[in-house]
Amino acid sequence: MGLRAIGGEQVMLCHVVYEPGTVVRRHAHETAEQVMWIVDGAVTMTIGDETRELVADDVVVVNPGIEHELVSLGGVTFVEALAPVLRDHVPDGERDLVLGAQGDSLHADG
């Protein structure tokens, strides 16, 4: 898996590459809305109880608190935005997490 994430005051942008056979188990982001744009490859994504196959140029929005999971048999590359910023998605917070005058009050822990 390749993940490059940067976080500003209110939104985080990630470039994600999942190798063939990647499975991300069912989970939810209680505080964050997630928008994904599929750049290359394909992924089977279940949001709530609805399952769809997503391919290049598809876009999906996952509202806060909604459980979702994905399976990519052939590999997938996507860009995602999450708001507010989820600290656990930023691998190098010292380098890639921008905290402004409000400190970390706009950033969520999960």
PDB file of N, CA and C in Angstrom:
ATOM      1  N   MET A   1       0.834  -1.175   0.000  1.00  0.00           N
ATOM      2  CA  MET A   1       0.000   0.000   0.000  1.00  0.00           C
ATOM      3  C   MET A   1       0.878   1.236   0.000  1.00  0.00           C
ATOM      4  N   GLY A   2       0.533   2.176  -0.815  1.00  0.00           N
ATOM      5  CA  GLY A   2       1.209   3.454  -0.817  1.00  0.00           C
ATOM      6  C   GLY A   2       0.229   4.535  -0.403  1.00  0.00           C
ATOM      7  N   LEU A   3       0.619   5.377   0.540  1.00  0.00           N
ATOM      8  CA  LEU A   3      -0.245   6.448   1.014  1.00  0.00           C
ATOM      9  C   LEU A   3       0.581   7.705   1.167  1.00  0.00           C
ATOM     10  N   ARG A   4       0.137   8.758   0.530  1.00  0.00           N
ATOM     11  CA  ARG A   4       0.754  10.078   0.691  1.00  0.00           C
ATOM     12  C   ARG A   4      -0.356  11.006   1.115  1.00  0.00           C
ATOM     13  N   ALA A   5      -0.254  11.592   2.295  1.00  0.00           N
ATOM     14  CA  ALA A   5      -1.329  12.419   2.833  1.00  0.00           C
ATOM     15  C   ALA A   5      -0.787  13.744   3.329  1.00  0.00           C
ATOM     16  N   ILE A   6      -1.551  14.804   3.076  1.00  0.00           N
ATOM     17  CA  ILE A   6      -1.246  16.108   3.642  1.00  0.00           C
ATOM     18  C   ILE A   6      -2.528  16.655   4.259  1.00  0.00           C
ATOM     19  N   GLY A   7      -2.389  17.330   5.386  1.00  0.00           N
ATOM     20  CA  GLY A   7      -3.556  17.870   6.061  1.00  0.00           C
ATOM     21  C   GLY A   7      -3.394  19.344   6.335  1.00  0.00           C
ATOM     22  N   GLY A   8      -4.415  20.089   6.003  1.00  0.00           N
ATOM     23  CA  GLY A   8      -4.437  21.511   6.302  1.00  0.00           C
ATOM     24  C   GLY A   8      -5.296  21.776   7.520  1.00  0.00           C
ATOM     25  N   GLU A   9      -5.869  22.959   7.594  1.00  0.00           N
ATOM     26  CA  GLU A   9      -6.724  23.323   8.722  1.00  0.00           C
ATOM     27  C   GLU A   9      -7.981  22.462   8.782  1.00  0.00           C
ATOM     28  N   GLN A  10      -8.658  22.260   7.638  1.00  0.00           N
ATOM     29  CA  GLN A  10      -9.966  21.629   7.676  1.00  0.00           C
ATOM     30  C   GLN A  10     -10.124  20.423   6.759  1.00  0.00           C
ATOM     31  N   VAL A  11      -9.185  20.181   5.873  1.00  0.00           N
ATOM     32  CA  VAL A  11      -9.333  19.073   4.927  1.00  0.00           C
ATOM     33  C   VAL A  11      -7.993  18.378   4.732  1.00  0.00           C
ATOM     34  N   MET A  12      -8.072  17.095   4.463  1.00  0.00           N
ATOM     35  CA  MET A  12      -6.884  16.294   4.194  1.00  0.00           C
ATOM     36  C   MET A  12      -7.022  15.709   2.798  1.00  0.00           C
ATOM     37  N   LEU A  13      -5.924  15.682   2.063  1.00  0.00           N
ATOM     38  CA  LEU A  13      -5.892  15.117   0.723  1.00  0.00           C
ATOM     39  C   LEU A  13      -4.891  13.969   0.708  1.00  0.00           C
ATOM     40  N   CYS A  14      -5.322  12.813   0.176  1.00  0.00           N
ATOM     41  CA  CYS A  14      -4.473  11.618   0.147  1.00  0.00           C
ATOM     42  C   CYS A  14      -4.389  11.057  -1.265  1.00  0.00           C
ATOM     43  N   HIS A  15      -3.218  10.584  -1.631  1.00  0.00           N
ATOM     44  CA  HIS A  15      -3.016   9.803  -2.852  1.00  0.00           C
ATOM     45  C   HIS A  15      -2.742   8.387  -2.377  1.00  0.00           C
ATOM     46  N   VAL A  16      -3.612   7.439  -2.765  1.00  0.00           N
ATOM     47  CA  VAL A  16      -3.550   6.081  -2.231  1.00  0.00           C
ATOM     48  C   VAL A  16      -3.374   5.080  -3.363  1.00  0.00           C
ATOM     49  N   VAL A  17      -2.452   4.142  -3.190  1.00  0.00           N
ATOM     50  CA  VAL A  17      -2.247   3.047  -4.145  1.00  0.00           C
ATOM     51  C   VAL A  17      -2.374   1.737  -3.373  1.00  0.00           C
ATOM     52  N   TYR A  18      -3.353   0.918  -3.749  1.00  0.00           N
ATOM     53  CA  TYR A  18      -3.517  -0.408  -3.151  1.00  0.00           C
ATOM     54  C   TYR A  18      -3.075  -1.456  -4.155  1.00  0.00           C
ATOM     55  N   GLU A  19      -2.250  -2.370  -3.709  1.00  0.00           N
ATOM     56  CA  GLU A  19      -1.774  -3.477  -4.539  1.00  0.00           C
ATOM     57  C   GLU A  19      -2.914  -4.468  -4.780  1.00  0.00           C
ATOM     58  N   PRO A  20      -2.792  -5.315  -5.819  1.00  0.00           N
ATOM     59  CA  PRO A  20      -3.806  -6.346  -6.053  1.00  0.00           C
ATOM     60  C   PRO A  20      -4.024  -7.195  -4.797  1.00  0.00           C
ATOM     61  N   GLY A  21      -5.276  -7.489  -4.542  1.00  0.00           N
ATOM     62  CA  GLY A  21      -5.627  -8.314  -3.397  1.00  0.00           C
ATOM     63  C   GLY A  21      -5.835  -7.552  -2.101  1.00  0.00           C
ATOM     64  N   THR A  22      -5.783  -6.230  -2.146  1.00  0.00           N
ATOM     65  CA  THR A  22      -5.962  -5.435  -0.933  1.00  0.00           C
ATOM     66  C   THR A  22      -7.408  -5.497  -0.446  1.00  0.00           C
ATOM     67  N   VAL A  23      -7.553  -5.713   0.847  1.00  0.00           N
ATOM     68  CA  VAL A  23      -8.864  -5.693   1.495  1.00  0.00           C
ATOM     69  C   VAL A  23      -8.798  -4.699   2.651  1.00  0.00           C
ATOM     70  N   VAL A  24      -9.715  -3.752   2.666  1.00  0.00           N
ATOM     71  CA  VAL A  24      -9.849  -2.833   3.793  1.00  0.00           C
ATOM     72  C   VAL A  24     -11.157  -3.202   4.483  1.00  0.00           C
ATOM     73  N   ARG A  25     -11.042  -3.730   5.668  1.00  0.00           N
ATOM     74  CA  ARG A  25     -12.209  -4.243   6.397  1.00  0.00           C
ATOM     75  C   ARG A  25     -13.182  -3.126   6.782  1.00  0.00           C
ATOM     76  N   ARG A  26     -14.390  -3.537   7.014  1.00  0.00           N
ATOM     77  CA  ARG A  26     -15.484  -2.634   7.351  1.00  0.00           C
ATOM     78  C   ARG A  26     -15.088  -1.730   8.532  1.00  0.00           C
ATOM     79  N   HIS A  27     -15.292  -0.436   8.335  1.00  0.00           N
ATOM     80  CA  HIS A  27     -14.981   0.552   9.360  1.00  0.00           C
ATOM     81  C   HIS A  27     -15.781   1.816   9.077  1.00  0.00           C
ATOM     82  N   ALA A  28     -15.735   2.758   9.979  1.00  0.00           N
ATOM     83  CA  ALA A  28     -16.398   4.048   9.789  1.00  0.00           C
ATOM     84  C   ALA A  28     -15.506   5.143  10.351  1.00  0.00           C
ATOM     85  N   HIS A  29     -15.623   6.309   9.776  1.00  0.00           N
ATOM     86  CA  HIS A  29     -14.968   7.506  10.305  1.00  0.00           C
ATOM     87  C   HIS A  29     -16.084   8.322  10.962  1.00  0.00           C
ATOM     88  N   GLU A  30     -16.145   8.288  12.269  1.00  0.00           N
ATOM     89  CA  GLU A  30     -17.274   8.885  12.987  1.00  0.00           C
ATOM     90  C   GLU A  30     -17.411  10.384  12.750  1.00  0.00           C
ATOM     91  N   THR A  31     -16.305  11.067  12.526  1.00  0.00           N
ATOM     92  CA  THR A  31     -16.351  12.528  12.437  1.00  0.00           C
ATOM     93  C   THR A  31     -16.056  13.075  11.050  1.00  0.00           C
ATOM     94  N   ALA A  32     -15.634  12.239  10.112  1.00  0.00           N
ATOM     95  CA  ALA A  32     -15.142  12.766   8.832  1.00  0.00           C
ATOM     96  C   ALA A  32     -15.982  12.314   7.644  1.00  0.00           C
ATOM     97  N   GLU A  33     -16.195  13.250   6.728  1.00  0.00           N
ATOM     98  CA  GLU A  33     -16.758  12.926   5.419  1.00  0.00           C
ATOM     99  C   GLU A  33     -15.588  12.549   4.513  1.00  0.00           C
ATOM    100  N   GLN A  34     -15.787  11.550   3.651  1.00  0.00           N
ATOM    101  CA  GLN A  34     -14.723  11.042   2.785  1.00  0.00           C
ATOM    102  C   GLN A  34     -15.203  11.095   1.336  1.00  0.00           C
ATOM    103  N   VAL A  35     -14.401  11.698   0.468  1.00  0.00           N
ATOM    104  CA  VAL A  35     -14.689  11.745  -0.966  1.00  0.00           C
ATOM    105  C   VAL A  35     -13.538  11.053  -1.679  1.00  0.00           C
ATOM    106  N   MET A  36     -13.861  10.055  -2.508  1.00  0.00           N
ATOM    107  CA  MET A  36     -12.833   9.291  -3.232  1.00  0.00           C
ATOM    108  C   MET A  36     -13.042   9.433  -4.733  1.00  0.00           C
ATOM    109  N   TRP A  37     -11.935   9.679  -5.453  1.00  0.00           N
ATOM    110  CA  TRP A  37     -11.940   9.732  -6.914  1.00  0.00           C
ATOM    111  C   TRP A  37     -11.003   8.634  -7.391  1.00  0.00           C
ATOM    112  N   ILE A  38     -11.554   7.663  -8.121  1.00  0.00           N
ATOM    113  CA  ILE A  38     -10.760   6.551  -8.624  1.00  0.00           C
ATOM    114  C   ILE A  38      -9.972   7.039  -9.838  1.00  0.00           C
ATOM    115  N   VAL A  39      -8.652   6.906  -9.778  1.00  0.00           N
ATOM    116  CA  VAL A  39      -7.766   7.374 -10.846  1.00  0.00           C
ATOM    117  C   VAL A  39      -7.425   6.247 -11.809  1.00  0.00           C
ATOM    118  N   ASP A  40      -7.155   5.043 -11.274  1.00  0.00           N
ATOM    119  CA  ASP A  40      -6.741   3.915 -12.109  1.00  0.00           C
ATOM    120  C   ASP A  40      -7.122   2.616 -11.405  1.00  0.00           C
ATOM    121  N   GLY A  41      -7.441   1.599 -12.187  1.00  0.00           N
ATOM    122  CA  GLY A  41      -7.778   0.306 -11.608  1.00  0.00           C
ATOM    123  C   GLY A  41      -9.246   0.232 -11.240  1.00  0.00           C
ATOM    124  N   ALA A  42      -9.559  -0.682 -10.334  1.00  0.00           N
ATOM    125  CA  ALA A  42     -10.947  -0.893  -9.923  1.00  0.00           C
ATOM    126  C   ALA A  42     -10.990  -1.351  -8.476  1.00  0.00           C
ATOM    127  N   VAL A  43     -12.128  -1.101  -7.847  1.00  0.00           N
ATOM    128  CA  VAL A  43     -12.329  -1.500  -6.460  1.00  0.00           C
ATOM    129  C   VAL A  43     -13.809  -1.822  -6.258  1.00  0.00           C
ATOM    130  N   THR A  44     -14.065  -2.858  -5.494  1.00  0.00           N
ATOM    131  CA  THR A  44     -15.429  -3.162  -5.079  1.00  0.00           C
ATOM    132  C   THR A  44     -15.615  -2.541  -3.712  1.00  0.00           C
ATOM    133  N   MET A  45     -16.583  -1.636  -3.605  1.00  0.00           N
ATOM    134  CA  MET A  45     -16.766  -0.900  -2.359  1.00  0.00           C
ATOM    135  C   MET A  45     -18.176  -1.113  -1.840  1.00  0.00           C
ATOM    136  N   THR A  46     -18.261  -1.414  -0.558  1.00  0.00           N
ATOM    137  CA  THR A  46     -19.551  -1.531   0.106  1.00  0.00           C
ATOM    138  C   THR A  46     -19.678  -0.363   1.072  1.00  0.00           C
ATOM    139  N   ILE A  47     -20.755   0.398   0.908  1.00  0.00           N
ATOM    140  CA  ILE A  47     -21.051   1.530   1.781  1.00  0.00           C
ATOM    141  C   ILE A  47     -22.414   1.244   2.390  1.00  0.00           C
ATOM    142  N   GLY A  48     -22.450   1.111   3.702  1.00  0.00           N
ATOM    143  CA  GLY A  48     -23.688   0.661   4.339  1.00  0.00           C
ATOM    144  C   GLY A  48     -23.963  -0.761   3.889  1.00  0.00           C
ATOM    145  N   ASP A  49     -25.099  -0.970   3.217  1.00  0.00           N
ATOM    146  CA  ASP A  49     -25.403  -2.304   2.693  1.00  0.00           C
ATOM    147  C   ASP A  49     -25.462  -2.331   1.167  1.00  0.00           C
ATOM    148  N   GLU A  50     -24.910  -1.294   0.521  1.00  0.00           N
ATOM    149  CA  GLU A  50     -24.885  -1.210  -0.946  1.00  0.00           C
ATOM    150  C   GLU A  50     -23.468  -1.452  -1.460  1.00  0.00           C
ATOM    151  N   THR A  51     -23.327  -2.369  -2.430  1.00  0.00           N
ATOM    152  CA  THR A  51     -22.021  -2.709  -2.997  1.00  0.00           C
ATOM    153  C   THR A  51     -21.977  -2.303  -4.461  1.00  0.00           C
ATOM    154  N   ARG A  52     -20.873  -1.659  -4.853  1.00  0.00           N
ATOM    155  CA  ARG A  52     -20.685  -1.234  -6.245  1.00  0.00           C
ATOM    156  C   ARG A  52     -19.243  -1.456  -6.669  1.00  0.00           C
ATOM    157  N   GLU A  53     -19.068  -1.687  -7.964  1.00  0.00           N
ATOM    158  CA  GLU A  53     -17.740  -1.758  -8.576  1.00  0.00           C
ATOM    159  C   GLU A  53     -17.407  -0.357  -9.078  1.00  0.00           C
ATOM    160  N   LEU A  54     -16.290   0.183  -8.625  1.00  0.00           N
ATOM    161  CA  LEU A  54     -15.863   1.517  -9.036  1.00  0.00           C
ATOM    162  C   LEU A  54     -14.628   1.395  -9.911  1.00  0.00           C
ATOM    163  N   VAL A  55     -14.596   2.182 -10.991  1.00  0.00           N
ATOM    164  CA  VAL A  55     -13.475   2.176 -11.931  1.00  0.00           C
ATOM    165  C   VAL A  55     -13.004   3.607 -12.150  1.00  0.00           C
ATOM    166  N   ALA A  56     -11.962   3.765 -12.962  1.00  0.00           N
ATOM    167  CA  ALA A  56     -11.365   5.081 -13.212  1.00  0.00           C
ATOM    168  C   ALA A  56     -12.427   6.124 -13.542  1.00  0.00           C
ATOM    169  N   ASP A  57     -12.288   7.280 -12.925  1.00  0.00           N
ATOM    170  CA  ASP A  57     -13.152   8.452 -13.042  1.00  0.00           C
ATOM    171  C   ASP A  57     -14.441   8.366 -12.238  1.00  0.00           C
ATOM    172  N   ASP A  58     -14.690   7.259 -11.531  1.00  0.00           N
ATOM    173  CA  ASP A  58     -15.832   7.208 -10.617  1.00  0.00           C
ATOM    174  C   ASP A  58     -15.495   7.985  -9.353  1.00  0.00           C
ATOM    175  N   VAL A  59     -16.515   8.555  -8.755  1.00  0.00           N
ATOM    176  CA  VAL A  59     -16.372   9.308  -7.513  1.00  0.00           C
ATOM    177  C   VAL A  59     -17.404   8.784  -6.522  1.00  0.00           C
ATOM    178  N   VAL A  60     -17.016   8.677  -5.270  1.00  0.00           N
ATOM    179  CA  VAL A  60     -17.931   8.221  -4.224  1.00  0.00           C
ATOM    180  C   VAL A  60     -17.761   9.106  -2.993  1.00  0.00           C
ATOM    181  N   VAL A  61     -18.863   9.354  -2.307  1.00  0.00           N
ATOM    182  CA  VAL A  61     -18.853  10.123  -1.066  1.00  0.00           C
ATOM    183  C   VAL A  61     -19.354   9.215   0.053  1.00  0.00           C
ATOM    184  N   VAL A  62     -18.595   9.161   1.145  1.00  0.00           N
ATOM    185  CA  VAL A  62     -18.989   8.393   2.327  1.00  0.00           C
ATOM    186  C   VAL A  62     -19.226   9.397   3.455  1.00  0.00           C
ATOM    187  N   ASN A  63     -20.455   9.472   3.916  1.00  0.00           N
ATOM    188  CA  ASN A  63     -20.799  10.413   4.977  1.00  0.00           C
ATOM    189  C   ASN A  63     -20.234   9.964   6.323  1.00  0.00           C
ATOM    190  N   PRO A  64     -20.047  10.893   7.258  1.00  0.00           N
ATOM    191  CA  PRO A  64     -19.514  10.539   8.574  1.00  0.00           C
ATOM    192  C   PRO A  64     -20.351   9.452   9.249  1.00  0.00           C
ATOM    193  N   GLY A  65     -19.665   8.513   9.891  1.00  0.00           N
ATOM    194  CA  GLY A  65     -20.334   7.481  10.654  1.00  0.00           C
ATOM    195  C   GLY A  65     -20.873   6.307   9.857  1.00  0.00           C
ATOM    196  N   ILE A  66     -20.761   6.330   8.530  1.00  0.00           N
ATOM    197  CA  ILE A  66     -21.278   5.249   7.691  1.00  0.00           C
ATOM    198  C   ILE A  66     -20.195   4.189   7.516  1.00  0.00           C
ATOM    199  N   GLU A  67     -20.524   2.948   7.824  1.00  0.00           N
ATOM    200  CA  GLU A  67     -19.556   1.862   7.662  1.00  0.00           C
ATOM    201  C   GLU A  67     -19.317   1.585   6.184  1.00  0.00           C
ATOM    202  N   HIS A  68     -18.051   1.297   5.862  1.00  0.00           N
ATOM    203  CA  HIS A  68     -17.691   0.994   4.481  1.00  0.00           C
ATOM    204  C   HIS A  68     -16.495   0.052   4.471  1.00  0.00           C
ATOM    205  N   GLU A  69     -16.328  -0.632   3.353  1.00  0.00           N
ATOM    206  CA  GLU A  69     -15.201  -1.548   3.162  1.00  0.00           C
ATOM    207  C   GLU A  69     -14.887  -1.599   1.681  1.00  0.00           C
ATOM    208  N   LEU A  70     -13.666  -2.058   1.348  1.00  0.00           N
ATOM    209  CA  LEU A  70     -13.322  -2.182  -0.063  1.00  0.00           C
ATOM    210  C   LEU A  70     -12.417  -3.372  -0.299  1.00  0.00           C
ATOM    211  N   VAL A  71     -12.533  -3.892  -1.528  1.00  0.00           N
ATOM    212  CA  VAL A  71     -11.705  -5.006  -1.982  1.00  0.00           C
ATOM    213  C   VAL A  71     -11.215  -4.646  -3.373  1.00  0.00           C
ATOM    214  N   SER A  72      -9.908  -4.749  -3.588  1.00  0.00           N
ATOM    215  CA  SER A  72      -9.347  -4.480  -4.905  1.00  0.00           C
ATOM    216  C   SER A  72      -8.554  -5.693  -5.366  1.00  0.00           C
ATOM    217  N   LEU A  73      -9.180  -6.506  -6.203  1.00  0.00           N
ATOM    218  CA  LEU A  73      -8.512  -7.717  -6.683  1.00  0.00           C
ATOM    219  C   LEU A  73      -7.357  -7.399  -7.619  1.00  0.00           C
ATOM    220  N   GLY A  74      -7.498  -6.352  -8.447  1.00  0.00           N
ATOM    221  CA  GLY A  74      -6.472  -6.039  -9.432  1.00  0.00           C
ATOM    222  C   GLY A  74      -5.619  -4.830  -9.109  1.00  0.00           C
ATOM    223  N   GLY A  75      -5.866  -4.201  -7.970  1.00  0.00           N
ATOM    224  CA  GLY A  75      -5.139  -2.986  -7.604  1.00  0.00           C
ATOM    225  C   GLY A  75      -5.925  -1.742  -7.987  1.00  0.00           C
ATOM    226  N   VAL A  76      -5.699  -0.669  -7.254  1.00  0.00           N
ATOM    227  CA  VAL A  76      -6.418   0.575  -7.508  1.00  0.00           C
ATOM    228  C   VAL A  76      -5.584   1.750  -7.018  1.00  0.00           C
ATOM    229  N   THR A  77      -5.732   2.870  -7.713  1.00  0.00           N
ATOM    230  CA  THR A  77      -5.144   4.140  -7.299  1.00  0.00           C
ATOM    231  C   THR A  77      -6.281   5.140  -7.184  1.00  0.00           C
ATOM    232  N   PHE A  78      -6.320   5.873  -6.067  1.00  0.00           N
ATOM    233  CA  PHE A  78      -7.363   6.883  -5.921  1.00  0.00           C
ATOM    234  C   PHE A  78      -6.849   8.073  -5.126  1.00  0.00           C
ATOM    235  N   VAL A  79      -7.560   9.174  -5.281  1.00  0.00           N
ATOM    236  CA  VAL A  79      -7.307  10.382  -4.506  1.00  0.00           C
ATOM    237  C   VAL A  79      -8.519  10.552  -3.599  1.00  0.00           C
ATOM    238  N   GLU A  80      -8.262  10.826  -2.323  1.00  0.00           N
ATOM    239  CA  GLU A  80      -9.386  11.034  -1.416  1.00  0.00           C
ATOM    240  C   GLU A  80      -9.181  12.300  -0.607  1.00  0.00           C
ATOM    241  N   ALA A  81     -10.297  12.903  -0.253  1.00  0.00           N
ATOM    242  CA  ALA A  81     -10.300  14.052   0.640  1.00  0.00           C
ATOM    243  C   ALA A  81     -11.140  13.687   1.850  1.00  0.00           C
ATOM    244  N   LEU A  82     -10.667  14.039   3.026  1.00  0.00           N
ATOM    245  CA  LEU A  82     -11.404  13.805   4.262  1.00  0.00           C
ATOM    246  C   LEU A  82     -11.471  15.105   5.047  1.00  0.00           C
ATOM    247  N   ALA A  83     -12.646  15.383   5.584  1.00  0.00           N
ATOM    248  CA  ALA A  83     -12.816  16.577   6.406  1.00  0.00           C
ATOM    249  C   ALA A  83     -13.735  16.235   7.572  1.00  0.00           C
ATOM    250  N   PRO A  84     -13.307  16.551   8.801  1.00  0.00           N
ATOM    251  CA  PRO A  84     -12.036  17.169   9.145  1.00  0.00           C
ATOM    252  C   PRO A  84     -10.876  16.189   8.985  1.00  0.00           C
ATOM    253  N   VAL A  85      -9.686  16.705   9.175  1.00  0.00           N
ATOM    254  CA  VAL A  85      -8.462  15.918   9.032  1.00  0.00           C
ATOM    255  C   VAL A  85      -8.442  14.790  10.065  1.00  0.00           C
ATOM    256  N   LEU A  86      -8.116  13.574   9.607  1.00  0.00           N
ATOM    257  CA  LEU A  86      -7.947  12.424  10.498  1.00  0.00           C
ATOM    258  C   LEU A  86      -6.455  12.221  10.737  1.00  0.00           C
ATOM    259  N   ARG A  87      -5.994  12.495  11.929  1.00  0.00           N
ATOM    260  CA  ARG A  87      -4.563  12.402  12.236  1.00  0.00           C
ATOM    261  C   ARG A  87      -3.978  11.034  11.926  1.00  0.00           C
ATOM    262  N   ASP A  88      -4.749   9.960  12.135  1.00  0.00           N
ATOM    263  CA  ASP A  88      -4.199   8.619  11.923  1.00  0.00           C
ATOM    264  C   ASP A  88      -3.993   8.286  10.453  1.00  0.00           C
ATOM    265  N   HIS A  89      -4.437   9.162   9.545  1.00  0.00           N
ATOM    266  CA  HIS A  89      -4.220   8.963   8.113  1.00  0.00           C
ATOM    267  C   HIS A  89      -2.999   9.725   7.605  1.00  0.00           C
ATOM    268  N   VAL A  90      -2.350  10.497   8.458  1.00  0.00           N
ATOM    269  CA  VAL A  90      -1.186  11.291   8.062  1.00  0.00           C
ATOM    270  C   VAL A  90       0.059  10.612   8.632  1.00  0.00           C
ATOM    271  N   PRO A  91       0.791   9.843   7.787  1.00  0.00           N
ATOM    272  CA  PRO A  91       1.936   9.070   8.281  1.00  0.00           C
ATOM    273  C   PRO A  91       3.036   9.902   8.932  1.00  0.00           C
ATOM    274  N   ASP A  92       3.303  11.090   8.414  1.00  0.00           N
ATOM    275  CA  ASP A  92       4.366  11.937   8.958  1.00  0.00           C
ATOM    276  C   ASP A  92       3.767  13.287   9.346  1.00  0.00           C
ATOM    277  N   GLY A  93       3.152  13.328  10.523  1.00  0.00           N
ATOM    278  CA  GLY A  93       2.481  14.540  10.969  1.00  0.00           C
ATOM    279  C   GLY A  93       3.391  15.738  11.107  1.00  0.00           C
ATOM    280  N   GLU A  94       4.638  15.516  11.487  1.00  0.00           N
ATOM    281  CA  GLU A  94       5.593  16.619  11.616  1.00  0.00           C
ATOM    282  C   GLU A  94       5.822  17.309  10.279  1.00  0.00           C
ATOM    283  N   ARG A  95       5.823  16.534   9.208  1.00  0.00           N
ATOM    284  CA  ARG A  95       6.096  17.080   7.890  1.00  0.00           C
ATOM    285  C   ARG A  95       4.821  17.507   7.167  1.00  0.00           C
ATOM    286  N   ASP A  96       3.736  16.721   7.320  1.00  0.00           N
ATOM    287  CA  ASP A  96       2.588  16.868   6.432  1.00  0.00           C
ATOM    288  C   ASP A  96       1.315  17.390   7.079  1.00  0.00           C
ATOM    289  N   LEU A  97       1.331  17.696   8.365  1.00  0.00           N
ATOM    290  CA  LEU A  97       0.130  18.183   9.037  1.00  0.00           C
ATOM    291  C   LEU A  97       0.326  19.640   9.400  1.00  0.00           C
ATOM    292  N   VAL A  98      -0.493  20.502   8.823  1.00  0.00           N
ATOM    293  CA  VAL A  98      -0.393  21.933   9.048  1.00  0.00           C
ATOM    294  C   VAL A  98      -1.384  22.314  10.143  1.00  0.00           C
ATOM    295  N   LEU A  99      -0.884  22.860  11.236  1.00  0.00           N
ATOM    296  CA  LEU A  99      -1.747  23.318  12.318  1.00  0.00           C
ATOM    297  C   LEU A  99      -1.690  24.828  12.369  1.00  0.00           C
ATOM    298  N   GLY A 100      -2.844  25.449  12.338  1.00  0.00           N
ATOM    299  CA  GLY A 100      -2.890  26.904  12.301  1.00  0.00           C
ATOM    300  C   GLY A 100      -3.114  27.518  13.664  1.00  0.00           C
ATOM    301  N   ALA A 101      -3.615  28.733  13.650  1.00  0.00           N
ATOM    302  CA  ALA A 101      -3.800  29.504  14.873  1.00  0.00           C
ATOM    303  C   ALA A 101      -4.742  28.818  15.854  1.00  0.00           C
ATOM    304  N   GLN A 102      -5.641  27.983  15.345  1.00  0.00           N
ATOM    305  CA  GLN A 102      -6.592  27.300  16.219  1.00  0.00           C
ATOM    306  C   GLN A 102      -6.014  26.014  16.791  1.00  0.00           C
ATOM    307  N   GLY A 103      -4.727  25.783  16.583  1.00  0.00           N
ATOM    308  CA  GLY A 103      -4.099  24.560  17.079  1.00  0.00           C
ATOM    309  C   GLY A 103      -4.692  23.348  16.399  1.00  0.00           C
ATOM    310  N   ASP A 104      -4.911  22.289  17.166  1.00  0.00           N
ATOM    311  CA  ASP A 104      -5.417  21.076  16.540  1.00  0.00           C
ATOM    312  C   ASP A 104      -6.911  20.889  16.761  1.00  0.00           C
ATOM    313  N   SER A 105      -7.629  21.964  17.059  1.00  0.00           N
ATOM    314  CA  SER A 105      -9.047  21.843  17.390  1.00  0.00           C
ATOM    315  C   SER A 105      -9.898  21.353  16.229  1.00  0.00           C
ATOM    316  N   LEU A 106      -9.443  21.501  15.012  1.00  0.00           N
ATOM    317  CA  LEU A 106     -10.220  21.064  13.856  1.00  0.00           C
ATOM    318  C   LEU A 106      -9.818  19.683  13.379  1.00  0.00           C
ATOM    319  N   HIS A 107      -8.889  19.037  14.034  1.00  0.00           N
ATOM    320  CA  HIS A 107      -8.398  17.738  13.602  1.00  0.00           C
ATOM    321  C   HIS A 107      -8.973  16.642  14.482  1.00  0.00           C
ATOM    322  N   ALA A 108      -9.406  15.559  13.858  1.00  0.00           N
ATOM    323  CA  ALA A 108     -10.014  14.442  14.582  1.00  0.00           C
ATOM    324  C   ALA A 108      -9.007  13.319  14.763  1.00  0.00           C
ATOM    325  N   ASP A 109      -9.192  12.529  15.785  1.00  0.00           N
ATOM    326  CA  ASP A 109      -8.284  11.418  16.054  1.00  0.00           C
ATOM    327  C   ASP A 109      -8.695  10.114  15.386  1.00  0.00           C
ATOM    328  N   GLY A 110      -9.842  10.012  14.777  1.00  0.00           N
ATOM    329  CA  GLY A 110     -10.225   8.746  14.152  1.00  0.00           C
ATOM    330  C   GLY A 110     -11.453   8.829  13.323  1.00  0.00           C
TER     331      GLY A 110
END
